[in-house]
Protein backbone atom coordinates (compact mmCIF):
# COMPACT_ATOMS: atom_id res chain seq x y z
CA MET A 1 112.34 107.83 137.23
CA ASP A 2 111.15 110.92 139.12
CA THR A 3 109.81 109.58 142.43
CA GLU A 4 108.03 112.85 143.20
CA LEU A 5 106.17 112.70 139.90
CA ILE A 6 105.28 109.04 140.48
CA ALA A 7 103.85 109.85 143.91
CA TRP A 8 101.86 112.79 142.56
CA LEU A 9 100.45 110.80 139.63
CA LEU A 10 99.49 107.95 141.94
CA ALA A 11 97.73 110.34 144.33
CA PHE A 12 95.93 111.97 141.40
CA ALA A 13 94.84 108.54 140.10
CA SER A 14 93.41 107.66 143.50
CA SER A 15 91.73 111.01 144.04
CA VAL A 16 89.99 111.22 140.67
CA SER A 17 89.12 107.52 140.36
CA GLY A 18 87.86 107.15 143.91
CA LEU A 19 90.00 104.03 144.30
CA GLN A 20 91.96 103.48 147.49
CA ALA A 21 95.39 105.09 147.54
CA GLN A 22 98.53 103.03 147.44
CA ALA A 23 102.05 103.83 148.57
CA PRO A 24 104.41 104.50 145.65
CA GLU A 25 106.81 101.86 146.95
CA ASP A 26 104.06 99.25 146.45
CA LEU A 27 103.75 100.02 142.74
CA PRO A 28 104.90 97.40 140.28
CA PRO A 29 108.21 98.04 138.57
CA ILE A 30 108.09 100.27 135.51
CA VAL A 31 109.88 98.67 132.58
CA ARG A 32 110.77 100.78 129.55
CA LEU A 33 110.83 98.81 126.30
CA THR A 34 111.36 99.52 122.64
CA PRO A 35 108.08 99.64 120.70
CA ALA A 36 108.83 96.26 119.11
CA ASP A 37 109.60 94.64 122.48
CA LEU A 38 106.49 96.21 124.01
CA ARG A 39 104.31 94.80 121.22
CA GLN A 40 105.97 91.40 121.60
CA GLN A 41 105.32 91.37 125.35
CA VAL A 42 101.70 92.52 125.13
CA CYS A 43 100.61 90.67 121.97
CA PRO A 44 103.08 87.81 121.47
CA GLU A 45 100.84 85.92 119.03
CA ARG A 46 99.89 88.98 116.96
CA PRO A 47 102.25 91.89 117.69
CA ALA A 48 100.98 93.81 114.66
CA GLU A 49 97.66 94.27 116.49
CA CYS A 50 99.43 96.23 119.22
CA VAL A 51 100.92 98.92 117.02
CA GLY A 52 100.66 102.24 118.80
CA ILE A 53 100.47 100.86 122.33
CA ALA A 54 102.14 103.28 124.74
CA ALA A 55 101.91 101.45 128.06
CA TYR A 56 100.46 98.30 129.59
CA PHE A 57 99.86 96.94 133.08
CA ASP A 58 101.10 93.35 132.90
CA ILE A 59 99.03 91.71 135.64
CA PRO A 60 100.59 88.21 135.54
CA HIS A 61 104.09 89.65 136.01
CA TYR A 62 102.97 92.63 138.14
CA ARG A 63 104.83 95.26 136.14
CA ILE A 64 104.05 98.28 134.03
CA LEU A 65 105.49 98.19 130.53
CA ILE A 66 105.99 101.53 128.84
CA ASP A 67 107.29 102.64 125.46
CA ALA A 68 110.86 103.82 126.00
CA ARG A 69 110.34 106.66 123.52
CA LEU A 70 107.89 108.44 125.82
CA ASP A 71 109.39 111.58 127.30
CA LEU A 72 108.11 111.29 130.84
CA SER A 73 108.88 114.93 131.52
CA GLN A 74 105.93 115.86 129.31
CA PRO A 75 102.38 115.68 130.76
CA ALA A 76 100.92 114.19 127.58
CA TYR A 77 103.36 111.31 127.83
CA HIS A 78 103.31 110.66 131.54
CA SER A 79 99.52 110.60 131.34
CA TYR A 80 99.95 107.10 129.91
CA LEU A 81 101.74 106.09 133.07
CA LEU A 82 98.88 107.63 135.08
CA HIS A 83 96.42 105.51 133.07
CA GLU A 84 98.31 102.37 134.07
CA PHE A 85 98.38 103.50 137.71
CA VAL A 86 94.58 103.51 137.61
CA HIS A 87 94.72 99.89 136.48
CA VAL A 88 97.09 99.07 139.34
CA LEU A 89 94.62 100.60 141.81
CA GLN A 90 91.79 98.68 140.14
CA PHE A 91 93.82 95.49 140.42
CA ARG A 92 94.29 96.06 144.14
CA ARG A 93 90.53 96.60 144.49
CA TYR A 94 89.17 93.88 142.17
CA GLY A 95 91.97 91.32 141.97
CA PRO A 96 93.49 89.43 139.06
CA GLY A 97 90.13 88.92 137.32
CA LEU A 98 90.02 92.65 136.64
CA PHE A 99 89.75 92.16 132.87
CA ALA A 100 88.17 88.69 132.85
CA ARG A 101 84.85 89.83 131.40
CA CYS A 102 84.45 92.11 128.43
CA GLU A 103 82.03 94.44 130.22
CA ASP A 104 84.50 94.78 133.09
CA THR A 105 87.30 95.56 130.64
CA LEU A 106 85.29 98.33 129.04
CA ARG A 107 84.26 99.76 132.42
CA HIS A 108 87.81 99.70 133.82
CA GLU A 109 89.29 101.18 130.66
CA ALA A 110 86.65 103.92 130.64
CA LEU A 111 87.59 104.92 134.18
CA ALA A 112 91.31 104.94 133.37
CA TYR A 113 90.66 107.12 130.32
CA ARG A 114 88.47 109.50 132.37
CA VAL A 115 91.27 109.94 134.90
CA GLN A 116 93.83 110.38 132.13
CA ASN A 117 91.69 113.00 130.37
CA ALA A 118 91.03 114.84 133.64
CA TYR A 119 94.78 115.02 134.14
CA LEU A 120 95.40 116.21 130.59
CA ARG A 121 92.79 118.97 131.04
CA ARG A 122 94.35 120.00 134.34
CA GLN A 123 97.74 120.24 132.66
CA GLY A 124 96.35 122.31 129.78
CA VAL A 125 97.09 119.61 127.21
CA LEU A 126 94.59 119.53 124.34
CA LEU A 127 95.03 115.80 123.70
CA ARG A 128 92.09 113.54 124.66
CA VAL A 129 92.34 109.76 124.73
CA GLY A 130 90.00 106.79 124.75
CA ALA A 131 87.15 108.13 122.63
CA ALA A 132 87.74 105.57 119.90
CA LEU A 133 87.44 102.67 122.34
CA ALA A 134 84.03 103.84 123.50
CA ALA A 135 82.89 104.43 119.94
CA ILE A 136 83.89 101.13 118.36
CA ALA A 137 84.46 98.52 121.08
CA ARG A 138 81.62 96.13 121.80
CA CYS A 139 81.19 93.03 123.89
CA LYS A 140 80.13 90.05 121.86
CA ALA A 141 78.95 86.77 123.37
CA GLU A 142 80.81 83.67 122.29
CA ASP A 143 78.33 81.03 121.19
CA ASP A 144 80.89 78.25 121.35
CA SER A 145 81.79 78.61 125.04
CA GLU A 146 81.03 75.60 127.20
CA ASP A 147 78.99 77.43 129.80
CA GLY A 148 77.78 80.25 127.55
CA ASP A 149 79.14 82.75 130.06
CA HIS A 150 82.28 83.90 128.25
CA ASP A 151 82.38 86.99 126.15
CA GLN A 152 84.94 88.82 124.12
CA LEU A 153 85.80 92.34 123.19
CA THR A 154 85.49 93.09 119.52
CA VAL A 155 86.42 96.22 117.68
CA GLU A 156 84.09 96.69 114.79
CA PRO A 157 85.06 98.96 111.94
CA GLN A 158 82.69 101.85 111.60
CA ALA A 159 81.48 103.26 108.33
CA PRO A 160 83.38 106.43 107.54
CA ARG A 161 81.51 109.58 108.42
CA ARG A 162 80.55 111.81 105.57
CA TYR A 163 80.77 115.51 106.05
CA GLY A 164 79.34 118.06 103.73
CA LEU A 165 76.07 119.26 102.37
CA ASN A 166 74.84 116.15 100.55
């Protein structure tokens, strides 16, 4: 993997996110996997729910998993790696409970998507990511938790938008 690109992406992640910089040699290993293996690693109980996942920061194993099909010479594709670098910086700042609460998950994902989109704009790539998460993801309290303090992220289907004159 291009060490110069890794260092630049990491510096960009730190600069735009406002999170403390980290030396590239302190990054977790980057593991390229087939889409099926990536889904199996990220969602072992329900891999079908992870269709389309491009990359994932695996906190328990301190590694970044990335779809082996991504051409990391292309800005649109290495922006997914940048997104995961933001999560690594967040992990160093907030610790392993980074995604423990639903509200935290949404906040941390929103920042990673903002950094990723800033990078895509800078590179002149028209692609924008993360809008769907903000539009349909909600935190929903679990009534059956023992202390009433747990919550979960739900993705609620939205009614299709109607366009036209009617």
